[in-house]
Amino acid sequence: MKREIIVNSSIVETRVAILEDGVLVELLIDDSKNKSIAGNIYKGRVLKILPGMQAAFVDLGLAKDAFLYVRDIFEDVEEYEQLLTIGEDDELTEPLPEEPRPSFSRGRRPQASIEELLKEGQEIVAQVAREPLGTKGARITSHITLPGRYLVYMPTEQHVGVSRKIENEGERSRLKQIIEEINPQREGVIVRTAGVGKGRAEIEADLEFLRSLWNKIKGKAETLAAPALVQKDLDLIFRIFRDLFTKEVVRLVVDNPTEYERCLEYAESLHPDLKSQLFLYTEDEPIFKSFGIEREVEKALRHKAWLKSGGYIVLEETEALVSIDVNTGKYVGKHDFEETVLKTNLEAAREIARQVRLRDLGGIIIIDFIDMARQESRDRVLQELKEVLKPDRSPTNVSLLSELGLVEMTRKRVRQGLNKALSASCPECGGLGYIRSTPSIAHQVLREVEWRLFSKRIPLIRVRAHPDLIDWFRAEAGEVIEALQQTYGGEIILVPEESLAPGKYQLLEG
């Protein structure tokens, strides 16, 4: 697979596009004013405990209070309050301090309730796990994770592992052995895919750096008064080098000379062997337009995505879940119906995986594949979907395909999706995608007019509305208006008004 990273950097925002075999699969945007806060570490103050939801609202100093679930709280508070007051090599024998302190805990008590773990006014250190979405504040966790070049360090956990995306069993065993040797305390560590082939010295240096970083974060947290930002995650371009710039990337193209120089510095520091894959874009045409990315972004904002065969998928985002429907469309096949359906579903599975990544869809996703009669066909489609989702950096889980052709999958949501980031709800339809028909609105107007003529005995009513609605009255409701005037003895005057939006109207009396 040929992977490319295209960077469009400007004063307004930085955009990073990930292409696989020339196809856009991921788009990351960092607004100069509205920076991403996912991964940031804050010192917050507990505002309110919600026992019924086993959650709490926490003030981080943001526009909206953050939300903390009980399962995202470290439960052995005593151990880590002690840890903050003693040295690394001391035993955990000192008594608890009297005043509440920020809690960094890696132990867990089974079935602890939130009332046992937190109290209002308590200060805690937490990391943003999911950015604010819509009307919801950020979701935070006390399970701190610090990503490095080769490792993810989890100082409040004791889990040791290797990324599931490293499939070679021999390499997995080698990496596990290195971690066990350099981490006798069994601190929380996961080896990232970038760690493949790396030696003990490189991995150990990464772990020492992350340990040092965590100690600095703890020390800074002690000096700050809540609410306060303790540690800001790195900017988008640095995160690209840390997380995405690997040997699989055939080129990284940047259109800004200043950012290009910064990329060279990052490459020299983090990936000196990959410097030759960096390029400065100098053409006259905007870089995203030149690579066909702008066109793909526009397509990603539509609710329908076409397949090469002529079929299509329809994607609908709701508050609770995302639904994806697969249709054969113009594709009629060449042989039997089952083969036509199977080919469409397989192609749809590949496109669904791309759209899920590109649109950054999250939460529960329901996919309605076209019904297939044969079990082997269902198994093949499900296996294809799982396979094409493997490159996705966000964790996904795919359930079995039912007899109705429905697949339920989940995908971790960290930030708002592409549609929410680049779109706004239509002020007319409120995001439904539909507005009331002209006859329906006209009938509503006539009912209101009749009620006022009958109950209030108004002698004259002016109906001010968009010209399209006035034209409908004149063409379709002339007899009804005349009957209203005859029956109730009032006068109805139609007034076209360009300034009123379609569907809006005013009734003026007298």
Protein backbone atom coordinates (compact mmCIF):
# COMPACT_ATOMS: atom_id res chain seq x y z
CA MET A 1 0.00 0.00 0.00
CA LYS A 2 1.35 3.41 -1.03
CA ARG A 3 0.79 5.94 1.76
CA GLU A 4 1.30 9.69 1.32
CA ILE A 5 0.90 12.61 3.74
CA ILE A 6 -0.05 16.00 2.29
CA VAL A 7 0.24 19.06 4.54
CA ASN A 8 -1.52 22.35 3.78
CA SER A 9 -0.32 24.95 6.30
CA SER A 10 -1.60 28.53 6.50
CA ILE A 11 -2.19 31.25 9.08
CA VAL A 12 -5.86 30.21 9.25
CA GLU A 13 -5.42 26.50 9.85
CA THR A 14 -3.27 23.45 9.25
CA ARG A 15 -4.77 20.56 7.31
CA VAL A 16 -3.19 17.14 6.91
CA ALA A 17 -4.49 14.62 4.39
CA ILE A 18 -3.58 10.92 4.45
CA LEU A 19 -3.70 9.17 1.07
CA GLU A 20 -3.53 5.42 0.57
CA ASP A 21 -2.92 4.34 -3.01
CA GLY A 22 -3.89 7.86 -4.07
CA VAL A 23 -7.23 7.78 -2.25
CA LEU A 24 -8.05 10.17 0.62
CA VAL A 25 -8.72 8.15 3.79
CA GLU A 26 -8.14 10.63 6.60
CA LEU A 27 -8.27 14.39 7.08
CA LEU A 28 -6.93 16.16 10.18
CA ILE A 29 -7.60 19.84 10.80
CA ASP A 30 -6.04 22.13 13.40
CA ASP A 31 -7.74 25.53 13.53
CA SER A 32 -5.47 28.38 14.64
CA LYS A 33 -8.18 29.60 17.07
CA ASN A 34 -9.96 26.37 18.00
CA LYS A 35 -7.08 24.04 18.73
CA SER A 36 -7.73 20.39 19.48
CA ILE A 37 -7.74 19.63 23.21
CA ALA A 38 -7.79 15.82 22.96
CA GLY A 39 -4.81 14.50 24.89
CA ASN A 40 -4.38 17.66 26.97
CA ILE A 41 -3.88 17.14 30.71
CA TYR A 42 -5.68 19.45 33.15
CA LYS A 43 -5.93 20.02 36.84
CA GLY A 44 -9.65 20.34 37.48
CA ARG A 45 -12.07 20.81 40.34
CA VAL A 46 -15.04 18.51 40.91
CA LEU A 47 -18.19 20.63 40.70
CA LYS A 48 -20.98 18.12 41.10
CA ILE A 49 -21.35 14.41 41.83
CA LEU A 50 -24.14 12.56 39.99
CA PRO A 51 -24.68 9.31 41.97
CA GLY A 52 -27.51 8.19 39.70
CA MET A 53 -25.19 8.26 36.67
CA GLN A 54 -22.02 7.35 38.59
CA ALA A 55 -20.34 10.37 37.04
CA ALA A 56 -19.18 13.87 37.91
CA PHE A 57 -18.91 17.30 36.31
CA VAL A 58 -15.41 18.74 36.50
CA ASP A 59 -14.34 22.34 35.89
CA LEU A 60 -11.25 22.43 33.66
CA GLY A 61 -11.48 26.11 32.86
CA LEU A 62 -13.11 25.39 29.49
CA ALA A 63 -16.35 26.81 28.08
CA LYS A 64 -18.22 23.65 29.13
CA ASP A 65 -17.67 21.49 32.20
CA ALA A 66 -16.07 18.13 31.52
CA PHE A 67 -17.72 14.78 32.25
CA LEU A 68 -15.97 12.05 34.25
CA TYR A 69 -17.42 8.52 34.52
CA VAL A 70 -16.68 6.35 37.53
CA ARG A 71 -14.89 3.76 35.39
CA ASP A 72 -12.46 6.48 34.26
CA ILE A 73 -11.38 7.29 37.81
CA PHE A 74 -8.37 5.71 39.46
CA GLU A 75 -9.71 4.08 42.52
CA ASP A 76 -6.80 3.47 44.84
CA VAL A 77 -6.67 7.12 45.88
CA GLU A 78 -4.73 6.41 49.05
CA GLU A 79 -1.82 4.78 47.26
CA TYR A 80 -1.32 7.63 44.85
CA GLU A 81 -1.86 10.44 47.29
CA GLN A 82 1.03 8.84 49.14
CA LEU A 83 2.99 8.51 45.92
CA LEU A 84 2.84 12.27 45.46
CA THR A 85 4.54 12.83 48.80
CA ILE A 86 7.33 10.26 48.65
CA GLY A 87 10.30 9.42 46.49
CA GLU A 88 10.35 6.75 43.79
CA ASP A 89 12.42 4.35 45.85
CA ASP A 90 10.50 4.78 49.13
CA GLU A 91 7.94 2.33 50.44
CA LEU A 92 4.27 3.36 50.39
CA THR A 93 4.01 3.63 54.15
CA GLU A 94 3.46 7.34 54.83
CA PRO A 95 0.01 8.40 56.08
CA LEU A 96 -2.54 10.11 53.90
CA PRO A 97 -2.35 13.90 53.81
CA GLU A 98 -5.31 15.62 55.45
CA GLU A 99 -6.21 17.86 52.50
CA PRO A 100 -7.44 16.40 49.18
CA ARG A 101 -4.65 16.22 46.60
CA PRO A 102 -4.59 15.43 42.86
CA SER A 103 -5.03 11.69 42.48
CA PHE A 104 -2.72 9.57 40.31
CA SER A 105 -3.78 5.98 40.91
CA ARG A 106 -2.99 2.71 39.20
CA GLY A 107 -4.69 0.37 41.63
CA ARG A 108 -8.40 -0.47 41.47
CA ARG A 109 -11.03 -1.45 43.98
CA PRO A 110 -13.85 -3.60 42.64
CA GLN A 111 -17.29 -1.98 42.51
CA ALA A 112 -16.29 1.33 44.12
CA SER A 113 -18.94 4.03 43.76
CA ILE A 114 -18.20 7.56 42.65
CA GLU A 115 -19.21 8.92 46.07
CA GLU A 116 -16.36 6.89 47.61
CA LEU A 117 -13.82 8.17 45.10
CA LEU A 118 -14.62 11.86 44.71
CA LYS A 119 -16.18 14.71 46.58
CA GLU A 120 -17.28 18.14 45.45
CA GLY A 121 -14.47 20.66 45.54
CA GLN A 122 -11.76 18.00 45.20
CA GLU A 123 -8.92 18.72 42.77
CA ILE A 124 -8.00 16.00 40.29
CA VAL A 125 -5.63 15.61 37.36
CA ALA A 126 -7.26 14.23 34.23
CA GLN A 127 -6.70 13.91 30.50
CA VAL A 128 -9.17 14.77 27.75
CA ALA A 129 -10.27 11.46 26.20
CA ARG A 130 -12.90 12.97 23.90
CA GLU A 131 -13.31 16.54 22.76
CA PRO A 132 -16.54 18.47 23.37
CA LEU A 133 -19.17 17.27 20.90
CA GLY A 134 -22.25 19.36 20.18
CA THR A 135 -23.86 20.31 23.48
CA LYS A 136 -21.69 17.89 25.46
CA GLY A 137 -18.55 18.87 27.30
CA ALA A 138 -15.27 17.01 27.05
CA ARG A 139 -15.04 13.49 28.41
CA ILE A 140 -12.04 13.08 30.67
CA THR A 141 -10.19 10.25 32.33
CA SER A 142 -7.70 9.81 35.14
CA HIS A 143 -6.12 7.00 33.11
CA ILE A 144 -3.25 9.14 31.78
CA THR A 145 -1.54 8.01 28.55
CA LEU A 146 1.65 9.58 27.20
CA PRO A 147 2.57 8.50 23.65
CA GLY A 148 6.23 8.40 22.70
CA ARG A 149 8.10 7.37 19.58
CA TYR A 150 7.91 3.63 20.24
CA LEU A 151 5.83 3.32 23.40
CA VAL A 152 2.66 4.49 25.04
CA TYR A 153 3.37 5.11 28.72
CA MET A 154 0.50 4.71 31.20
CA PRO A 155 1.92 5.80 34.57
CA THR A 156 -1.32 5.14 36.42
CA GLU A 157 -1.73 1.58 35.13
CA GLN A 158 0.16 -1.69 35.39
CA HIS A 159 -0.77 -3.14 32.00
CA VAL A 160 2.12 -4.22 29.78
CA GLY A 161 1.48 -5.16 26.17
CA VAL A 162 2.25 -4.92 22.48
CA SER A 163 0.06 -3.26 19.87
CA ARG A 164 -2.42 -5.69 18.33
CA LYS A 165 -1.40 -4.37 14.91
CA ILE A 166 1.98 -6.08 15.35
CA GLU A 167 0.96 -9.53 14.15
CA ASN A 168 4.33 -11.32 13.87
CA GLU A 169 4.48 -13.57 16.93
CA GLY A 170 8.27 -13.67 16.97
CA GLU A 171 8.50 -9.87 17.01
CA ARG A 172 5.78 -9.64 19.65
CA SER A 173 7.72 -12.02 21.91
CA ARG A 174 10.96 -10.10 21.38
CA LEU A 175 9.35 -6.76 22.26
CA LYS A 176 7.61 -8.22 25.33
CA GLN A 177 10.93 -9.55 26.59
CA ILE A 178 12.58 -6.13 26.19
CA ILE A 179 9.76 -4.44 28.12
CA GLU A 180 9.97 -6.99 30.94
CA GLU A 181 13.73 -6.43 31.21
CA ILE A 182 13.61 -2.61 31.27
CA ASN A 183 10.39 -2.33 33.28
CA PRO A 184 10.69 -4.54 36.39
CA GLN A 185 8.11 -2.39 38.24
CA ARG A 186 5.58 -3.30 35.53
CA GLU A 187 4.54 0.27 34.87
CA GLY A 188 1.87 0.63 32.22
CA VAL A 189 3.57 0.33 28.81
CA ILE A 190 2.34 -0.60 25.33
CA VAL A 191 4.75 -0.99 22.43
CA ARG A 192 3.55 0.90 19.34
CA THR A 193 3.88 -0.35 15.77
CA ALA A 194 6.81 2.06 15.31
CA GLY A 195 8.69 -0.12 17.79
CA VAL A 196 8.96 -3.00 15.32
CA GLY A 197 12.63 -3.81 14.73
CA LYS A 198 13.89 -1.38 17.37
CA GLY A 199 16.54 -2.45 19.86
CA ARG A 200 16.56 -2.37 23.63
CA ALA A 201 18.54 0.88 23.85
CA GLU A 202 16.07 2.83 21.68
CA ILE A 203 13.01 1.51 23.52
CA GLU A 204 14.59 2.06 26.94
CA ALA A 205 15.50 5.67 26.03
CA ASP A 206 11.89 6.29 25.00
CA LEU A 207 10.62 4.88 28.31
CA GLU A 208 13.04 7.04 30.32
CA PHE A 209 11.95 10.14 28.42
CA LEU A 210 8.28 9.42 29.11
CA ARG A 211 8.97 8.73 32.79
CA SER A 212 10.76 12.06 33.04
CA LEU A 213 7.88 13.81 31.29
CA TRP A 214 5.38 12.31 33.73
CA ASN A 215 7.42 13.45 36.71
CA LYS A 216 7.45 16.99 35.30
CA ILE A 217 3.67 16.86 34.80
CA LYS A 218 3.14 15.73 38.39
CA GLY A 219 5.44 18.44 39.69
CA LYS A 220 3.71 21.14 37.65
CA ALA A 221 0.27 19.94 38.75
CA GLU A 222 1.30 20.39 42.39
CA THR A 223 2.09 24.07 41.82
CA LEU A 224 -1.09 24.99 39.92
CA ALA A 225 -4.46 26.01 41.28
CA ALA A 226 -7.43 24.33 39.61
CA PRO A 227 -8.75 24.79 37.03
CA ALA A 228 -5.58 24.91 34.93
CA LEU A 229 -3.93 23.38 31.86
CA VAL A 230 -1.03 21.20 33.01
CA GLN A 231 0.24 19.68 29.76
CA LYS A 232 -0.79 20.56 26.22
CA ASP A 233 -0.55 17.85 23.59
CA LEU A 234 1.83 18.51 20.72
CA ASP A 235 0.71 20.41 17.63
CA LEU A 236 -0.69 18.62 14.60
CA ILE A 237 2.48 18.49 12.51
CA PHE A 238 4.56 17.10 15.37
CA ARG A 239 1.86 14.50 16.06
CA ILE A 240 2.10 13.46 12.41
CA PHE A 241 5.81 12.74 12.84
CA ARG A 242 5.23 10.98 16.14
CA ASP A 243 2.26 8.86 15.06
CA LEU A 244 2.13 8.55 11.26
CA PHE A 245 5.51 9.20 9.64
CA THR A 246 6.88 5.68 9.22
CA LYS A 247 8.65 3.64 6.54
CA GLU A 248 5.25 2.95 4.98
CA VAL A 249 5.01 6.64 3.98
CA VAL A 250 6.49 7.09 0.50
CA ARG A 251 6.43 10.88 0.73
CA LEU A 252 5.36 13.74 2.97
CA VAL A 253 4.65 16.92 1.00
CA VAL A 254 4.41 20.35 2.70
CA ASP A 255 3.34 23.58 0.98
CA ASN A 256 4.78 26.03 3.53
CA PRO A 257 8.58 26.69 3.52
CA THR A 258 8.65 27.49 7.26
CA GLU A 259 6.76 24.31 8.17
CA TYR A 260 8.94 22.36 5.76
CA GLU A 261 12.05 23.45 7.68
CA ARG A 262 10.37 22.43 10.92
CA CYS A 263 9.53 19.05 9.39
CA LEU A 264 13.20 18.60 8.45
CA GLU A 265 14.13 19.25 12.08
CA TYR A 266 11.56 16.74 13.32
CA ALA A 267 12.75 14.17 10.81
CA GLU A 268 16.38 14.72 11.85
CA SER A 269 15.41 14.17 15.48
CA LEU A 270 12.85 11.38 15.18
CA HIS A 271 13.34 9.66 11.81
CA PRO A 272 16.72 10.61 10.26
CA ASP A 273 16.51 7.69 7.85
CA LEU A 274 13.27 9.09 6.37
CA LYS A 275 14.44 12.64 5.55
CA SER A 276 14.58 11.79 1.84
CA GLN A 277 10.80 11.31 1.87
CA LEU A 278 10.16 14.99 2.69
CA PHE A 279 9.24 17.35 -0.15
CA LEU A 280 8.41 21.05 -0.40
CA TYR A 281 5.46 21.80 -2.71
CA THR A 282 6.21 24.81 -4.94
CA GLU A 283 3.56 24.65 -7.68
CA ASP A 284 1.17 27.57 -8.36
CA GLU A 285 -2.03 25.57 -7.83
CA PRO A 286 -3.13 25.07 -4.17
CA ILE A 287 -1.76 21.77 -2.90
CA PHE A 288 -5.11 20.24 -1.88
CA LYS A 289 -6.61 21.10 -5.25
CA SER A 290 -3.60 19.70 -7.09
CA PHE A 291 -3.89 16.36 -5.30
CA GLY A 292 -7.69 16.21 -5.75
CA ILE A 293 -8.26 16.47 -2.00
CA GLU A 294 -10.63 19.47 -2.03
CA ARG A 295 -13.02 17.58 -4.29
CA GLU A 296 -12.96 14.53 -2.01
CA VAL A 297 -13.64 16.68 1.06
CA GLU A 298 -16.71 18.15 -0.65
CA LYS A 299 -17.94 14.63 -1.43
CA ALA A 300 -17.40 13.59 2.19
CA LEU A 301 -19.93 16.22 3.29
CA ARG A 302 -22.70 14.59 1.26
CA HIS A 303 -24.94 11.86 2.62
CA LYS A 304 -24.46 9.62 -0.44
CA ALA A 305 -21.19 8.02 -1.63
CA TRP A 306 -21.08 6.32 -5.02
CA LEU A 307 -19.31 3.04 -5.72
CA LYS A 308 -17.35 2.44 -8.93
CA SER A 309 -19.76 -0.34 -9.94
CA GLY A 310 -22.72 2.08 -9.92
CA GLY A 311 -24.01 1.15 -6.50
CA TYR A 312 -23.96 3.59 -3.60
CA ILE A 313 -24.06 3.89 0.17
CA VAL A 314 -26.12 6.37 2.19
CA LEU A 315 -24.67 7.65 5.48
CA GLU A 316 -26.89 9.32 8.07
CA GLU A 317 -25.56 10.67 11.36
CA THR A 318 -27.98 10.92 14.28
CA GLU A 319 -27.54 11.78 17.94
CA ALA A 320 -27.55 8.11 18.95
CA LEU A 321 -25.81 6.34 16.08
CA VAL A 322 -24.70 6.36 12.46
CA SER A 323 -26.67 4.35 9.91
CA ILE A 324 -25.19 3.22 6.60
CA ASP A 325 -27.38 1.73 3.88
CA VAL A 326 -26.01 -0.17 0.88
CA ASN A 327 -27.82 -0.09 -2.49
CA THR A 328 -27.09 -1.66 -5.88
CA GLY A 329 -28.08 1.56 -7.67
CA LYS A 330 -27.23 1.38 -11.37
CA TYR A 331 -25.31 -1.88 -11.04
CA VAL A 332 -27.27 -4.85 -12.44
CA GLY A 333 -24.50 -7.46 -12.67
CA LYS A 334 -23.72 -9.92 -15.43
CA HIS A 335 -24.71 -13.35 -14.11
CA ASP A 336 -26.92 -14.23 -11.15
CA PHE A 337 -28.46 -12.00 -8.48
CA GLU A 338 -26.41 -13.42 -5.60
CA GLU A 339 -23.16 -12.61 -7.40
CA THR A 340 -24.37 -9.05 -8.07
CA VAL A 341 -25.26 -8.53 -4.41
CA LEU A 342 -22.00 -10.03 -3.17
CA LYS A 343 -19.88 -7.83 -5.44
CA THR A 344 -21.81 -4.72 -4.38
CA ASN A 345 -21.50 -5.57 -0.68
CA LEU A 346 -17.77 -6.25 -0.96
CA GLU A 347 -17.18 -2.96 -2.73
CA ALA A 348 -19.41 -1.22 -0.20
CA ALA A 349 -17.42 -2.70 2.70
CA ARG A 350 -14.23 -1.17 1.35
CA GLU A 351 -15.88 2.21 0.79
CA ILE A 352 -17.55 2.14 4.22
CA ALA A 353 -14.17 1.61 5.90
CA ARG A 354 -12.78 4.59 3.97
CA GLN A 355 -15.74 6.84 4.71
CA VAL A 356 -15.74 5.95 8.41
CA ARG A 357 -12.10 7.01 8.66
CA LEU A 358 -12.43 10.07 6.43
CA ARG A 359 -15.57 11.39 8.12
CA ASP A 360 -14.21 10.32 11.53
CA LEU A 361 -17.48 8.67 12.45
CA GLY A 362 -17.72 7.30 15.96
CA GLY A 363 -19.95 5.58 18.50
CA ILE A 364 -22.40 2.93 17.30
CA ILE A 365 -22.50 2.37 13.52
CA ILE A 366 -25.22 0.20 11.94
CA ILE A 367 -24.57 -1.06 8.41
CA ASP A 368 -27.44 -2.41 6.33
CA PHE A 369 -25.84 -4.57 3.66
CA ILE A 370 -27.98 -5.93 0.85
CA ASP A 371 -29.51 -9.26 1.91
CA MET A 372 -27.46 -12.33 0.93
CA ALA A 373 -28.91 -15.82 0.81
CA ARG A 374 -25.66 -17.74 1.25
CA GLN A 375 -23.84 -17.88 4.58
CA GLU A 376 -20.47 -18.01 2.83
CA SER A 377 -21.27 -14.70 1.16
CA ARG A 378 -22.11 -13.09 4.51
CA ASP A 379 -18.90 -14.42 6.04
CA ARG A 380 -16.88 -13.09 3.13
CA VAL A 381 -18.36 -9.59 3.41
CA LEU A 382 -17.83 -9.48 7.17
CA GLN A 383 -14.23 -10.65 6.81
CA GLU A 384 -13.61 -8.02 4.11
CA LEU A 385 -14.98 -5.27 6.37
CA LYS A 386 -12.74 -6.34 9.26
CA GLU A 387 -9.72 -6.52 6.98
CA VAL A 388 -10.15 -3.05 5.45
CA LEU A 389 -10.69 -1.53 8.91
CA LYS A 390 -7.27 -2.71 10.13
CA PRO A 391 -5.38 0.44 9.02
CA ASP A 392 -7.82 2.58 11.05
CA ARG A 393 -6.00 4.21 13.99
CA SER A 394 -9.21 4.43 16.04
CA PRO A 395 -10.19 1.14 17.74
CA THR A 396 -13.15 -0.57 16.05
CA ASN A 397 -15.21 -3.62 16.92
CA VAL A 398 -17.37 -5.42 14.34
CA SER A 399 -20.20 -7.77 15.34
CA LEU A 400 -21.64 -10.70 13.39
CA LEU A 401 -23.67 -10.06 10.27
CA SER A 402 -27.32 -10.96 10.87
CA GLU A 403 -29.71 -12.73 8.50
CA LEU A 404 -31.16 -9.32 7.64
CA GLY A 405 -27.77 -8.13 6.49
CA LEU A 406 -27.23 -5.80 9.46
CA VAL A 407 -23.79 -5.29 10.99
CA GLU A 408 -23.25 -3.41 14.22
CA MET A 409 -19.84 -1.92 14.76
CA THR A 410 -18.39 0.53 17.24
CA ARG A 411 -15.59 3.01 16.71
CA LYS A 412 -13.89 5.08 19.36
CA ARG A 413 -14.88 8.74 19.09
CA VAL A 414 -12.21 11.26 20.16
CA ARG A 415 -13.19 14.45 18.36
CA GLN A 416 -16.17 15.72 16.38
CA GLY A 417 -16.51 14.20 12.93
CA LEU A 418 -15.69 15.90 9.65
CA ASN A 419 -19.31 16.79 8.95
CA LYS A 420 -19.75 18.53 12.31
CA ALA A 421 -16.39 20.27 11.96
CA LEU A 422 -17.06 21.69 8.48
CA SER A 423 -20.85 21.99 8.37
CA ALA A 424 -23.66 23.71 10.24
CA SER A 425 -27.31 22.74 10.57
CA CYS A 426 -29.58 24.34 8.00
CA PRO A 427 -31.44 27.22 9.68
CA GLU A 428 -34.61 26.33 7.77
CA CYS A 429 -34.86 22.59 8.35
CA GLY A 430 -32.88 22.43 11.61
CA GLY A 431 -30.64 19.72 10.23
CA LEU A 432 -33.43 17.35 9.17
CA GLY A 433 -32.71 17.73 5.47
CA TYR A 434 -36.39 18.51 4.81
CA ILE A 435 -38.67 21.55 5.05
CA ARG A 436 -42.46 21.58 5.16
CA SER A 437 -44.17 21.60 1.80
CA THR A 438 -45.77 24.77 0.47
CA PRO A 439 -49.34 23.36 0.63
CA SER A 440 -48.79 22.29 4.27
CA ILE A 441 -47.61 25.78 5.28
CA ALA A 442 -50.40 27.42 3.28
CA HIS A 443 -53.04 25.33 5.01
CA GLN A 444 -51.57 26.31 8.38
CA VAL A 445 -51.78 30.00 7.43
CA LEU A 446 -55.41 29.65 6.32
CA ARG A 447 -56.35 27.86 9.56
CA GLU A 448 -54.83 30.70 11.62
CA VAL A 449 -56.55 33.32 9.47
CA GLU A 450 -59.91 31.59 9.87
CA TRP A 451 -59.49 31.35 13.66
CA ARG A 452 -58.75 35.09 13.94
CA LEU A 453 -61.65 36.04 11.68
CA PHE A 454 -64.03 33.81 13.65
CA SER A 455 -62.94 34.26 17.27
CA LYS A 456 -61.55 37.79 17.28
CA ARG A 457 -63.74 39.30 14.54
CA ILE A 458 -60.71 40.97 12.94
CA PRO A 459 -61.91 43.13 9.99
CA LEU A 460 -58.66 42.92 7.97
CA ILE A 461 -55.70 40.53 7.98
CA ARG A 462 -52.55 41.00 5.93
CA VAL A 463 -50.63 37.82 5.11
CA ARG A 464 -46.95 38.65 4.56
CA ALA A 465 -44.96 35.71 3.14
CA HIS A 466 -42.30 34.71 0.63
CA PRO A 467 -43.48 35.27 -3.00
CA ASP A 468 -43.56 31.51 -3.66
CA LEU A 469 -46.13 31.04 -0.90
CA ILE A 470 -48.17 34.04 -2.07
CA ASP A 471 -48.16 32.65 -5.62
CA TRP A 472 -49.48 29.33 -4.30
CA PHE A 473 -52.35 31.12 -2.49
CA ARG A 474 -53.33 32.92 -5.68
CA ALA A 475 -53.10 29.86 -7.89
CA GLU A 476 -54.51 27.18 -5.57
CA ALA A 477 -56.47 28.82 -2.74
CA GLY A 478 -58.37 31.69 -4.37
CA GLU A 479 -61.75 30.08 -3.78
CA VAL A 480 -60.90 29.23 -0.13
CA ILE A 481 -59.83 32.82 0.59
CA GLU A 482 -63.00 34.15 -1.02
CA ALA A 483 -65.11 31.74 1.07
CA LEU A 484 -63.39 32.88 4.29
CA GLN A 485 -64.10 36.52 3.47
CA GLN A 486 -67.75 35.80 2.61
CA THR A 487 -68.33 33.63 5.70
CA TYR A 488 -66.73 35.88 8.34
CA GLY A 489 -67.06 39.30 6.74
CA GLY A 490 -63.36 40.16 6.92
CA GLU A 491 -60.78 41.06 4.29
CA ILE A 492 -57.62 39.06 3.52
CA ILE A 493 -54.75 40.83 1.73
CA LEU A 494 -51.77 38.87 0.36
CA VAL A 495 -48.43 40.70 0.58
CA PRO A 496 -45.33 39.15 -1.06
CA GLU A 497 -42.16 39.82 0.93
CA GLU A 498 -38.75 38.84 -0.48
CA SER A 499 -37.02 39.33 2.89
CA LEU A 500 -38.95 36.43 4.44
CA ALA A 501 -37.46 32.97 4.03
CA PRO A 502 -39.52 30.26 2.31
CA GLY A 503 -41.91 28.78 4.87
CA LYS A 504 -41.91 31.90 7.06
CA TYR A 505 -44.90 34.23 7.27
CA GLN A 506 -46.47 37.02 9.32
CA LEU A 507 -50.12 37.79 10.02
CA LEU A 508 -50.79 41.50 10.58
CA GLU A 509 -54.20 42.54 11.93
CA GLY A 510 -56.02 45.70 10.86
